[in-house]
Structures are given as structure tokens and as C-alpha cells.
C-alpha atoms as a PDB file:
ATOM      1  CA  MET A   1      -0.144-120.748  79.397  1.00  0.00           C
ATOM      2  CA  SER A   2      -1.548-124.225  78.948  1.00  0.00           C
ATOM      3  CA  GLU A   3      -3.410-125.787  76.070  1.00  0.00           C
ATOM      4  CA  SER A   4      -6.566-125.916  78.213  1.00  0.00           C
ATOM      5  CA  TYR A   5      -6.348-122.206  78.707  1.00  0.00           C
ATOM      6  CA  PHE A   6      -6.567-121.616  74.933  1.00  0.00           C
ATOM      7  CA  ARG A   7      -9.384-124.115  74.541  1.00  0.00           C
ATOM      8  CA  ASP A   8     -11.355-122.497  77.267  1.00  0.00           C
ATOM      9  CA  LEU A   9     -10.679-119.090  75.847  1.00  0.00           C
ATOM     10  CA  TYR A  10     -12.008-119.943  72.377  1.00  0.00           C
ATOM     11  CA  ASP A  11     -14.605-122.456  73.556  1.00  0.00           C
ATOM     12  CA  LEU A  12     -15.278-123.959  70.079  1.00  0.00           C
ATOM     13  CA  GLU A  13     -15.177-127.673  70.939  1.00  0.00           C
ATOM     14  CA  GLY A  14     -18.422-129.227  69.830  1.00  0.00           C
ATOM     15  CA  LYS A  15     -19.843-126.130  68.237  1.00  0.00           C
ATOM     16  CA  VAL A  16     -21.412-126.321  64.742  1.00  0.00           C
ATOM     17  CA  ALA A  17     -20.487-124.218  61.673  1.00  0.00           C
ATOM     18  CA  VAL A  18     -22.210-124.065  58.290  1.00  0.00           C
ATOM     19  CA  LEU A  19     -19.915-122.685  55.557  1.00  0.00           C
ATOM     20  CA  PHE A  20     -21.357-121.622  52.198  1.00  0.00           C
ATOM     21  CA  GLY A  21     -18.728-121.591  49.532  1.00  0.00           C
ATOM     22  CA  GLY A  22     -17.221-124.437  51.520  1.00  0.00           C
ATOM     23  CA  THR A  23     -15.688-126.087  48.487  1.00  0.00           C
ATOM     24  CA  GLY A  24     -13.602-123.119  47.566  1.00  0.00           C
ATOM     25  CA  GLU A  25      -9.985-122.767  48.572  1.00  0.00           C
ATOM     26  CA  LEU A  26     -10.331-119.978  51.154  1.00  0.00           C
ATOM     27  CA  VAL A  27     -13.536-121.147  52.861  1.00  0.00           C
ATOM     28  CA  SER A  28     -12.450-124.778  52.882  1.00  0.00           C
ATOM     29  CA  ALA A  29      -9.240-123.671  54.714  1.00  0.00           C
ATOM     30  CA  ILE A  30     -11.470-122.023  57.319  1.00  0.00           C
ATOM     31  CA  ALA A  31     -13.615-125.144  57.592  1.00  0.00           C
ATOM     32  CA  LYS A  32     -10.376-127.205  58.156  1.00  0.00           C
ATOM     33  CA  GLY A  33      -9.331-124.879  60.902  1.00  0.00           C
ATOM     34  CA  PHE A  34     -12.742-125.038  62.553  1.00  0.00           C
ATOM     35  CA  ALA A  35     -12.512-128.811  62.489  1.00  0.00           C
ATOM     36  CA  GLY A  36      -9.069-128.647  64.070  1.00  0.00           C
ATOM     37  CA  ALA A  37     -10.602-126.548  66.834  1.00  0.00           C
ATOM     38  CA  GLY A  38     -13.029-129.335  67.537  1.00  0.00           C
ATOM     39  CA  MET A  39     -16.015-127.841  65.651  1.00  0.00           C
ATOM     40  CA  LYS A  40     -18.426-129.866  63.475  1.00  0.00           C
ATOM     41  CA  VAL A  41     -18.626-128.454  59.976  1.00  0.00           C
ATOM     42  CA  ALA A  42     -21.215-128.549  57.171  1.00  0.00           C
ATOM     43  CA  LEU A  43     -19.895-127.473  53.784  1.00  0.00           C
ATOM     44  CA  GLY A  44     -22.447-125.939  51.507  1.00  0.00           C
ATOM     45  CA  GLY A  45     -21.649-125.816  47.827  1.00  0.00           C
ATOM     46  CA  ARG A  46     -22.454-127.013  44.237  1.00  0.00           C
ATOM     47  CA  ASN A  47     -19.670-129.384  43.380  1.00  0.00           C
ATOM     48  CA  PRO A  48     -19.889-132.831  45.059  1.00  0.00           C
ATOM     49  CA  ASP A  49     -16.472-133.905  43.752  1.00  0.00           C
ATOM     50  CA  LYS A  50     -14.740-130.830  45.202  1.00  0.00           C
ATOM     51  CA  ALA A  51     -16.730-131.321  48.432  1.00  0.00           C
ATOM     52  CA  ARG A  52     -15.547-134.890  48.792  1.00  0.00           C
ATOM     53  CA  ALA A  53     -11.970-133.811  48.321  1.00  0.00           C
ATOM     54  CA  ARG A  54     -12.357-131.082  50.922  1.00  0.00           C
ATOM     55  CA  ILE A  55     -13.950-133.371  53.432  1.00  0.00           C
ATOM     56  CA  GLU A  56     -11.163-135.960  52.900  1.00  0.00           C
ATOM     57  CA  GLU A  57      -8.558-133.269  53.564  1.00  0.00           C
ATOM     58  CA  ILE A  58     -10.343-132.400  56.820  1.00  0.00           C
ATOM     59  CA  ARG A  59     -10.641-135.993  57.924  1.00  0.00           C
ATOM     60  CA  SER A  60      -7.077-136.769  56.928  1.00  0.00           C
ATOM     61  CA  ALA A  61      -5.688-133.906  59.036  1.00  0.00           C
ATOM     62  CA  PHE A  62      -8.243-134.472  61.979  1.00  0.00           C
ATOM     63  CA  PRO A  63      -9.435-138.107  61.966  1.00  0.00           C
ATOM     64  CA  ALA A  64     -11.861-137.558  64.757  1.00  0.00           C
ATOM     65  CA  SER A  65     -13.533-134.532  63.069  1.00  0.00           C
ATOM     66  CA  GLU A  66     -17.130-134.480  61.904  1.00  0.00           C
ATOM     67  CA  ALA A  67     -17.655-132.952  58.519  1.00  0.00           C
ATOM     68  CA  VAL A  68     -20.517-133.314  55.965  1.00  0.00           C
ATOM     69  CA  PHE A  69     -21.381-131.851  52.608  1.00  0.00           C
ATOM     70  CA  ILE A  70     -24.829-130.460  51.903  1.00  0.00           C
ATOM     71  CA  PRO A  71     -25.271-129.709  48.207  1.00  0.00           C
ATOM     72  CA  GLY A  72     -27.136-126.570  47.206  1.00  0.00           C
ATOM     73  CA  GLN A  73     -26.792-123.023  45.934  1.00  0.00           C
ATOM     74  CA  ALA A  74     -26.178-120.215  48.394  1.00  0.00           C
ATOM     75  CA  GLY A  75     -28.330-117.932  46.341  1.00  0.00           C
ATOM     76  CA  SER A  76     -31.368-120.189  46.584  1.00  0.00           C
ATOM     77  CA  ARG A  77     -33.584-119.606  49.653  1.00  0.00           C
ATOM     78  CA  GLU A  78     -34.965-123.122  49.375  1.00  0.00           C
ATOM     79  CA  ASP A  79     -31.400-124.591  49.358  1.00  0.00           C
ATOM     80  CA  VAL A  80     -30.293-122.462  52.259  1.00  0.00           C
ATOM     81  CA  GLU A  81     -33.316-123.416  54.349  1.00  0.00           C
ATOM     82  CA  ARG A  82     -32.745-127.134  53.528  1.00  0.00           C
ATOM     83  CA  THR A  83     -29.074-126.746  54.587  1.00  0.00           C
ATOM     84  CA  LEU A  84     -30.167-125.284  57.903  1.00  0.00           C
ATOM     85  CA  ALA A  85     -32.754-128.083  58.411  1.00  0.00           C
ATOM     86  CA  GLN A  86     -30.262-130.868  57.582  1.00  0.00           C
ATOM     87  CA  THR A  87     -27.591-129.458  59.793  1.00  0.00           C
ATOM     88  CA  LEU A  88     -30.060-129.227  62.778  1.00  0.00           C
ATOM     89  CA  GLU A  89     -31.177-132.833  61.994  1.00  0.00           C
ATOM     90  CA  GLN A  90     -27.569-133.921  61.970  1.00  0.00           C
ATOM     91  CA  TRP A  91     -26.261-132.139  65.059  1.00  0.00           C
ATOM     92  CA  GLY A  92     -29.147-130.395  66.761  1.00  0.00           C
ATOM     93  CA  ARG A  93     -27.695-126.881  66.704  1.00  0.00           C
ATOM     94  CA  VAL A  94     -25.878-124.211  64.581  1.00  0.00           C
ATOM     95  CA  ASP A  95     -23.514-121.776  66.203  1.00  0.00           C
ATOM     96  CA  VAL A  96     -21.619-120.233  63.281  1.00  0.00           C
ATOM     97  CA  LEU A  97     -22.489-119.253  59.770  1.00  0.00           C
ATOM     98  CA  VAL A  98     -19.901-118.391  57.171  1.00  0.00           C
ATOM     99  CA  ASN A  99     -21.194-116.637  54.033  1.00  0.00           C
ATOM    100  CA  GLY A 100     -18.316-117.274  51.540  1.00  0.00           C
ATOM    101  CA  ALA A 101     -19.838-118.131  48.200  1.00  0.00           C
ATOM    102  CA  GLY A 102     -18.333-115.953  45.497  1.00  0.00           C
ATOM    103  CA  VAL A 103     -17.567-115.436  41.787  1.00  0.00           C
ATOM    104  CA  ASN A 104     -15.639-112.895  39.856  1.00  0.00           C
ATOM    105  CA  SER A 105     -15.102-111.592  36.350  1.00  0.00           C
ATOM    106  CA  ALA A 106     -12.575-109.442  34.595  1.00  0.00           C
ATOM    107  CA  THR A 107     -14.963-107.981  32.017  1.00  0.00           C
ATOM    108  CA  PRO A 108     -14.265-104.329  31.056  1.00  0.00           C
ATOM    109  CA  PHE A 109     -16.929-102.046  32.547  1.00  0.00           C
ATOM    110  CA  LEU A 110     -18.743-101.080  29.289  1.00  0.00           C
ATOM    111  CA  GLU A 111     -18.956-104.725  28.270  1.00  0.00           C
ATOM    112  CA  ILE A 112     -20.530-106.102  31.429  1.00  0.00           C
ATOM    113  CA  SER A 113     -23.915-107.658  30.470  1.00  0.00           C
ATOM    114  CA  ASP A 114     -27.044-107.694  32.533  1.00  0.00           C
ATOM    115  CA  GLU A 115     -26.775-111.430  32.848  1.00  0.00           C
ATOM    116  CA  GLU A 116     -23.185-111.274  34.198  1.00  0.00           C
ATOM    117  CA  PHE A 117     -24.043-108.448  36.583  1.00  0.00           C
ATOM    118  CA  ASN A 118     -27.037-110.317  38.022  1.00  0.00           C
ATOM    119  CA  ARG A 119     -25.166-113.560  38.244  1.00  0.00           C
ATOM    120  CA  ILE A 120     -22.344-112.017  40.359  1.00  0.00           C
ATOM    121  CA  LEU A 121     -24.731-110.174  42.558  1.00  0.00           C
ATOM    122  CA  ASN A 122     -26.835-113.168  43.106  1.00  0.00           C
ATOM    123  CA  THR A 123     -23.803-115.424  44.072  1.00  0.00           C
ATOM    124  CA  ASN A 124     -21.938-112.839  46.114  1.00  0.00           C
ATOM    125  CA  LEU A 125     -24.580-110.546  47.540  1.00  0.00           C
ATOM    126  CA  GLN A 126     -27.986-112.146  47.415  1.00  0.00           C
ATOM    127  CA  SER A 127     -26.524-115.360  48.868  1.00  0.00           C
ATOM    128  CA  VAL A 128     -25.275-113.360  51.935  1.00  0.00           C
ATOM    129  CA  MET A 129     -28.657-111.609  52.374  1.00  0.00           C
ATOM    130  CA  ILE A 130     -30.517-114.972  52.231  1.00  0.00           C
ATOM    131  CA  GLY A 131     -28.009-116.669  54.547  1.00  0.00           C
ATOM    132  CA  CYS A 132     -28.307-113.981  57.101  1.00  0.00           C
ATOM    133  CA  GLN A 133     -32.086-113.949  56.929  1.00  0.00           C
ATOM    134  CA  VAL A 134     -32.515-117.683  57.163  1.00  0.00           C
ATOM    135  CA  PHE A 135     -29.942-118.383  59.751  1.00  0.00           C
ATOM    136  CA  GLY A 136     -30.450-115.108  61.546  1.00  0.00           C
ATOM    137  CA  LYS A 137     -34.129-116.082  62.135  1.00  0.00           C
ATOM    138  CA  HIS A 138     -33.003-119.383  63.582  1.00  0.00           C
ATOM    139  CA  PHE A 139     -30.299-117.763  65.806  1.00  0.00           C
ATOM    140  CA  LEU A 140     -32.847-115.277  67.159  1.00  0.00           C
ATOM    141  CA  SER A 141     -35.113-118.147  68.224  1.00  0.00           C
ATOM    142  CA  ALA A 142     -32.365-120.502  69.451  1.00  0.00           C
ATOM    143  CA  GLY A 143     -31.436-118.414  72.510  1.00  0.00           C
ATOM    144  CA  HIS A 144     -27.677-118.984  72.557  1.00  0.00           C
ATOM    145  CA  PRO A 145     -24.814-116.815  71.221  1.00  0.00           C
ATOM    146  CA  ALA A 146     -24.107-117.089  67.514  1.00  0.00           C
ATOM    147  CA  SER A 147     -21.598-115.704  65.064  1.00  0.00           C
ATOM    148  CA  ILE A 148     -22.014-114.761  61.385  1.00  0.00           C
ATOM    149  CA  LEU A 149     -18.873-114.240  59.216  1.00  0.00           C
ATOM    150  CA  ASN A 150     -19.419-112.615  55.894  1.00  0.00           C
ATOM    151  CA  ILE A 151     -16.416-112.874  53.525  1.00  0.00           C
ATOM    152  CA  SER A 152     -15.662-109.445  52.058  1.00  0.00           C
ATOM    153  CA  SER A 153     -12.751-108.260  49.972  1.00  0.00           C
ATOM    154  CA  ALA A 154     -10.041-105.551  49.876  1.00  0.00           C
ATOM    155  CA  SER A 155     -12.088-104.203  46.900  1.00  0.00           C
ATOM    156  CA  ALA A 156     -14.947-103.324  49.212  1.00  0.00           C
ATOM    157  CA  ARG A 157     -13.169-100.245  50.342  1.00  0.00           C
ATOM    158  CA  ILE A 158     -10.735 -99.259  47.597  1.00  0.00           C
ATOM    159  CA  PRO A 159     -11.264 -99.401  43.868  1.00  0.00           C
ATOM    160  CA  LEU A 160      -9.563-102.343  42.110  1.00  0.00           C
ATOM    161  CA  SER A 161      -9.509-102.351  38.297  1.00  0.00           C
ATOM    162  CA  ARG A 162     -11.232-104.992  36.186  1.00  0.00           C
ATOM    163  CA  VAL A 163     -13.560-106.369  38.985  1.00  0.00           C
ATOM    164  CA  PHE A 164     -16.365-103.770  38.930  1.00  0.00           C
ATOM    165  CA  THR A 165     -19.364-105.954  39.779  1.00  0.00           C
ATOM    166  CA  TYR A 166     -17.366-108.026  42.299  1.00  0.00           C
ATOM    167  CA  SER A 167     -16.224-104.913  44.122  1.00  0.00           C
ATOM    168  CA  ALA A 168     -19.721-103.464  44.163  1.00  0.00           C
ATOM    169  CA  SER A 169     -21.059-106.726  45.700  1.00  0.00           C
ATOM    170  CA  LYS A 170     -18.318-106.810  48.347  1.00  0.00           C
ATOM    171  CA  ALA A 171     -18.873-103.195  49.324  1.00  0.00           C
ATOM    172  CA  ALA A 172     -22.637-104.024  49.781  1.00  0.00           C
ATOM    173  CA  ILE A 173     -21.671-107.005  51.912  1.00  0.00           C
ATOM    174  CA  LEU A 174     -19.628-104.882  54.225  1.00  0.00           C
ATOM    175  CA  ASN A 175     -22.501-102.388  54.637  1.00  0.00           C
ATOM    176  CA  LEU A 176     -24.990-105.253  55.331  1.00  0.00           C
ATOM    177  CA  THR A 177     -22.640-106.589  57.956  1.00  0.00           C
ATOM    178  CA  LEU A 178     -22.569-103.297  59.772  1.00  0.00           C
ATOM    179  CA  ASN A 179     -26.312-102.963  59.650  1.00  0.00           C
ATOM    180  CA  LEU A 180     -26.945-106.368  60.993  1.00  0.00           C
ATOM    181  CA  ALA A 181     -24.379-106.029  63.771  1.00  0.00           C
ATOM    182  CA  ARG A 182     -26.350-102.945  64.912  1.00  0.00           C
ATOM    183  CA  GLU A 183     -29.659-104.749  64.505  1.00  0.00           C
ATOM    184  CA  TRP A 184     -28.759-107.867  66.435  1.00  0.00           C
ATOM    185  CA  GLY A 185     -26.105-106.667  68.951  1.00  0.00           C
ATOM    186  CA  GLU A 186     -28.425-107.035  72.026  1.00  0.00           C
ATOM    187  CA  LYS A 187     -29.573-110.486  70.886  1.00  0.00           C
ATOM    188  CA  GLY A 188     -26.253-112.165  71.270  1.00  0.00           C
ATOM    189  CA  ILE A 189     -25.699-112.538  67.467  1.00  0.00           C
ATOM    190  CA  ARG A 190     -22.418-111.103  66.357  1.00  0.00           C
ATOM    191  CA  VAL A 191     -21.982-110.176  62.703  1.00  0.00           C
ATOM    192  CA  ASN A 192     -18.516-109.495  61.278  1.00  0.00           C
ATOM    193  CA  ALA A 193     -16.721-109.326  57.998  1.00  0.00           C
ATOM    194  CA  LEU A 194     -13.512-111.205  57.235  1.00  0.00           C
ATOM    195  CA  THR A 195     -11.626-109.449  54.502  1.00  0.00           C
ATOM    196  CA  PRO A 196      -8.868-111.308  52.709  1.00  0.00           C
ATOM    197  CA  GLY A 197      -6.377-109.438  50.629  1.00  0.00           C
ATOM    198  CA  PHE A 198      -4.709-111.161  47.639  1.00  0.00           C
ATOM    199  CA  PHE A 199      -4.957-115.007  48.070  1.00  0.00           C
ATOM    200  CA  PRO A 200      -4.579-116.766  44.759  1.00  0.00           C
ATOM    201  CA  ALA A 201      -7.706-118.855  44.253  1.00  0.00           C
ATOM    202  CA  GLU A 202      -9.761-120.287  41.497  1.00  0.00           C
ATOM    203  CA  GLN A 203     -11.921-117.167  41.143  1.00  0.00           C
ATOM    204  CA  ASN A 204      -9.173-114.686  40.703  1.00  0.00           C
ATOM    205  CA  ARG A 205      -6.316-116.598  39.025  1.00  0.00           C
ATOM    206  CA  LYS A 206      -7.643-115.475  35.543  1.00  0.00           C
ATOM    207  CA  VAL A 207      -6.980-111.792  36.425  1.00  0.00           C
ATOM    208  CA  LEU A 208      -3.562-112.401  37.997  1.00  0.00           C
ATOM    209  CA  THR A 209      -1.408-111.493  34.918  1.00  0.00           C
ATOM    210  CA  PRO A 210       2.275-110.977  35.484  1.00  0.00           C
ATOM    211  CA  GLU A 211       1.819-107.234  35.252  1.00  0.00           C
ATOM    212  CA  ARG A 212      -1.003-107.251  37.772  1.00  0.00           C
ATOM    213  CA  VAL A 213       0.950-109.571  40.162  1.00  0.00           C
ATOM    214  CA  GLU A 214       3.897-107.022  39.969  1.00  0.00           C
ATOM    215  CA  SER A 215       1.497-104.165  40.811  1.00  0.00           C
ATOM    216  CA  ILE A 216      -0.063-106.113  43.713  1.00  0.00           C
ATOM    217  CA  MET A 217       3.404-106.879  45.202  1.00  0.00           C
ATOM    218  CA  ARG A 218       4.374-103.252  44.980  1.00  0.00           C
ATOM    219  CA  HIS A 219       1.198-102.327  46.960  1.00  0.00           C
ATOM    220  CA  THR A 220       1.650-105.125  49.578  1.00  0.00           C
ATOM    221  CA  PRO A 221       4.121-104.302  52.445  1.00  0.00           C
ATOM    222  CA  MET A 222       4.706-108.012  53.112  1.00  0.00           C
ATOM    223  CA  ASN A 223       5.532-108.483  49.392  1.00  0.00           C
ATOM    224  CA  ARG A 224       3.732-111.811  48.886  1.00  0.00           C
ATOM    225  CA  PHE A 225       0.381-113.458  48.505  1.00  0.00           C
ATOM    226  CA  GLY A 226      -1.563-114.793  51.433  1.00  0.00           C
ATOM    227  CA  ASN A 227      -1.897-118.549  52.093  1.00  0.00           C
ATOM    228  CA  PRO A 228      -5.482-119.786  52.840  1.00  0.00           C
ATOM    229  CA  GLU A 229      -4.404-121.106  56.229  1.00  0.00           C
ATOM    230  CA  GLU A 230      -3.513-117.577  57.216  1.00  0.00           C
ATOM    231  CA  LEU A 231      -7.259-116.856  57.404  1.00  0.00           C
ATOM    232  CA  VAL A 232      -7.902-119.359  60.031  1.00  0.00           C
ATOM    233  CA  GLY A 233      -6.732-117.497  63.143  1.00  0.00           C
ATOM    234  CA  ALA A 234      -8.912-114.552  62.275  1.00  0.00           C
ATOM    235  CA  ALA A 235     -11.924-116.773  61.594  1.00  0.00           C
ATOM    236  CA  LEU A 236     -11.471-118.674  64.921  1.00  0.00           C
ATOM    237  CA  LEU A 237     -11.492-115.367  66.857  1.00  0.00           C
ATOM    238  CA  LEU A 238     -14.655-114.120  65.128  1.00  0.00           C
ATOM    239  CA  ALA A 239     -16.330-117.465  65.557  1.00  0.00           C
ATOM    240  CA  SER A 240     -15.669-117.797  69.284  1.00  0.00           C
ATOM    241  CA  SER A 241     -18.340-116.577  71.613  1.00  0.00           C
ATOM    242  CA  ARG A 242     -15.654-116.119  74.275  1.00  0.00           C
ATOM    243  CA  ALA A 243     -12.472-114.859  72.639  1.00  0.00           C
ATOM    244  CA  GLY A 244     -14.614-112.742  70.306  1.00  0.00           C
ATOM    245  CA  ALA A 245     -17.426-112.002  72.670  1.00  0.00           C
ATOM    246  CA  PHE A 246     -17.202-108.141  72.253  1.00  0.00           C
ATOM    247  CA  ILE A 247     -16.430-108.140  68.578  1.00  0.00           C
ATOM    248  CA  THR A 248     -19.324-107.289  66.284  1.00  0.00           C
ATOM    249  CA  GLY A 249     -19.622-104.976  63.259  1.00  0.00           C
ATOM    250  CA  ALA A 250     -15.857-105.480  62.650  1.00  0.00           C
ATOM    251  CA  ASP A 251     -14.122-105.754  59.396  1.00  0.00           C
ATOM    252  CA  LEU A 252     -11.098-107.926  60.176  1.00  0.00           C
ATOM    253  CA  VAL A 253      -8.611-107.478  57.412  1.00  0.00           C
ATOM    254  CA  VAL A 254      -6.038-110.098  56.526  1.00  0.00           C
ATOM    255  CA  ASP A 255      -4.126-108.579  53.666  1.00  0.00           C
ATOM    256  CA  GLY A 256      -0.447-108.331  54.384  1.00  0.00           C
ATOM    257  CA  GLY A 257      -0.863-104.561  54.663  1.00  0.00           C
ATOM    258  CA  PHE A 258      -2.459-104.074  51.203  1.00  0.00           C
ATOM    259  CA  THR A 259      -5.151-101.678  52.438  1.00  0.00           C
ATOM    260  CA  ALA A 260      -2.594 -99.664  54.492  1.00  0.00           C
ATOM    261  CA  MET A 261      -0.605 -98.631  51.446  1.00  0.00           C
ATOM    262  CA  THR A 262      -1.009 -95.250  49.726  1.00  0.00           C
ATOM    263  CA  ILE A 263       2.066 -93.969  48.065  1.00  0.00           C
END
């Protein structure tokens, strides 16, 4: 098989992706993979310093790539609408939305405050709701195939200790993904979940004690953590309107077998 075969199969050259949570380790790895596939990427996030570093990583790896940072909060409808407008002004189209903004907390259940609960739900769940509404409305009127990737978690399906609100938010994201896939299936808008297993990142390092790491490894058939780059292949498949043309309502799990383990 030739390189042109794969490029034709995935058909991502020149497509435009907006990635919320784009300054984080996992979503920025996906953004870098998109750029490597010839896509134009807009990173949404709140930290300009991190964004500059992420864009420099992309441009260093792929000098011809086009990448921009659009500051804003994924949980703010005004910011999300502005991100869409600026992306359209920059490139004239949007083909892929990645909803990947997320925060976590290790607070014991009986000590979770209303403020913490609402903060996590706003960042993890409400941001996905707003992103899907704002970009979904645009996709419906644009008249070309589009893809939405919602970043879920292994905790969406099985209980994980010490991450109660986070787990609830990710379970809701998975349900929302399925509902929107059903709602927009005939409209050419595919909505899927991408579910990482354990990938050490800024938001979960505080809960990765030696005892917890040992427990995770016992429950992971591949006996290691994931590397952020190992999410790229799955993301490219779900983003592609050709290779992933008949994939919607899926929960694509990249977890080294974690969710396959029982006893």
C-alpha cells in the first residue's frame, strides 16, 4: 500500500479542528497528530504560556503546519461562540470538534463541597454540552460531514475510588454522546467518545500514589501507563469522514485492557 492510499483513506489534509482543553497533555498530543495529518488546528484553553509551548511543539515537529491559540473557557458559551467565529474567520470552515477540557479532584465523597462539585461539572460536562450545541448548530447549517470527539474516561463505565464527581461527569458525557449520535446521524454529523485509560497527566498525578499505581498495574493487562501519542491513531480514525465514515455513537477505548479486566 502506498502513502497516497492512506492519505486518501483518511482524507484529513486541509481540514480544520478545534480542540478545547488543547493545552493539556492528552488533547495537545491529539492536536499534534492532527497537524501531522495535514489538518489546521485551533487550540482552545485558558493558559497562554502553555498554549505557546504546545504550538511551538507542533510547529517544531511539522514546520508547515497551521496552528493557533484562541483563549477562552470551554464552559463559557460566549467564549465558545467566539472560538467558533475566530476559527471561521481564520480558515473559513470547521470539520472536527474535540471536547477535552477537564479537571479532577481526589476529595473524599462526604467532603465534596457544592463549589467543587459545580466547578468540576462546569468544566467537564457543561463545556461538552455548550461545545456540542454551538458547533453542532454550525455543523448542521454548513452542509458538509463533521465529527465531534468527546473525551470520556474509563471511570464513565466502572467505579473508580476517589474521583466521584469526575466519574459522574464522564458518565454523563458518554450518555450525551450516544444521544447526539442518534439525533444527528442522518445529518452527516458523527459524535463519538474517545476514552483513555490511565495516562499520567497534570490532572491525575495528584491521585497516583505508589499504592494506587500498583493497583492500576494489576488491573491493566499491558502492565503500563499509556503515552499521550497512543491516542492519536484512534482520534484520527474518529475525525476522518472517510476512514470513520460509518462510526458514530462509539466509545473507542484506549486503555491497555483496563476495562476488560475483572478478576
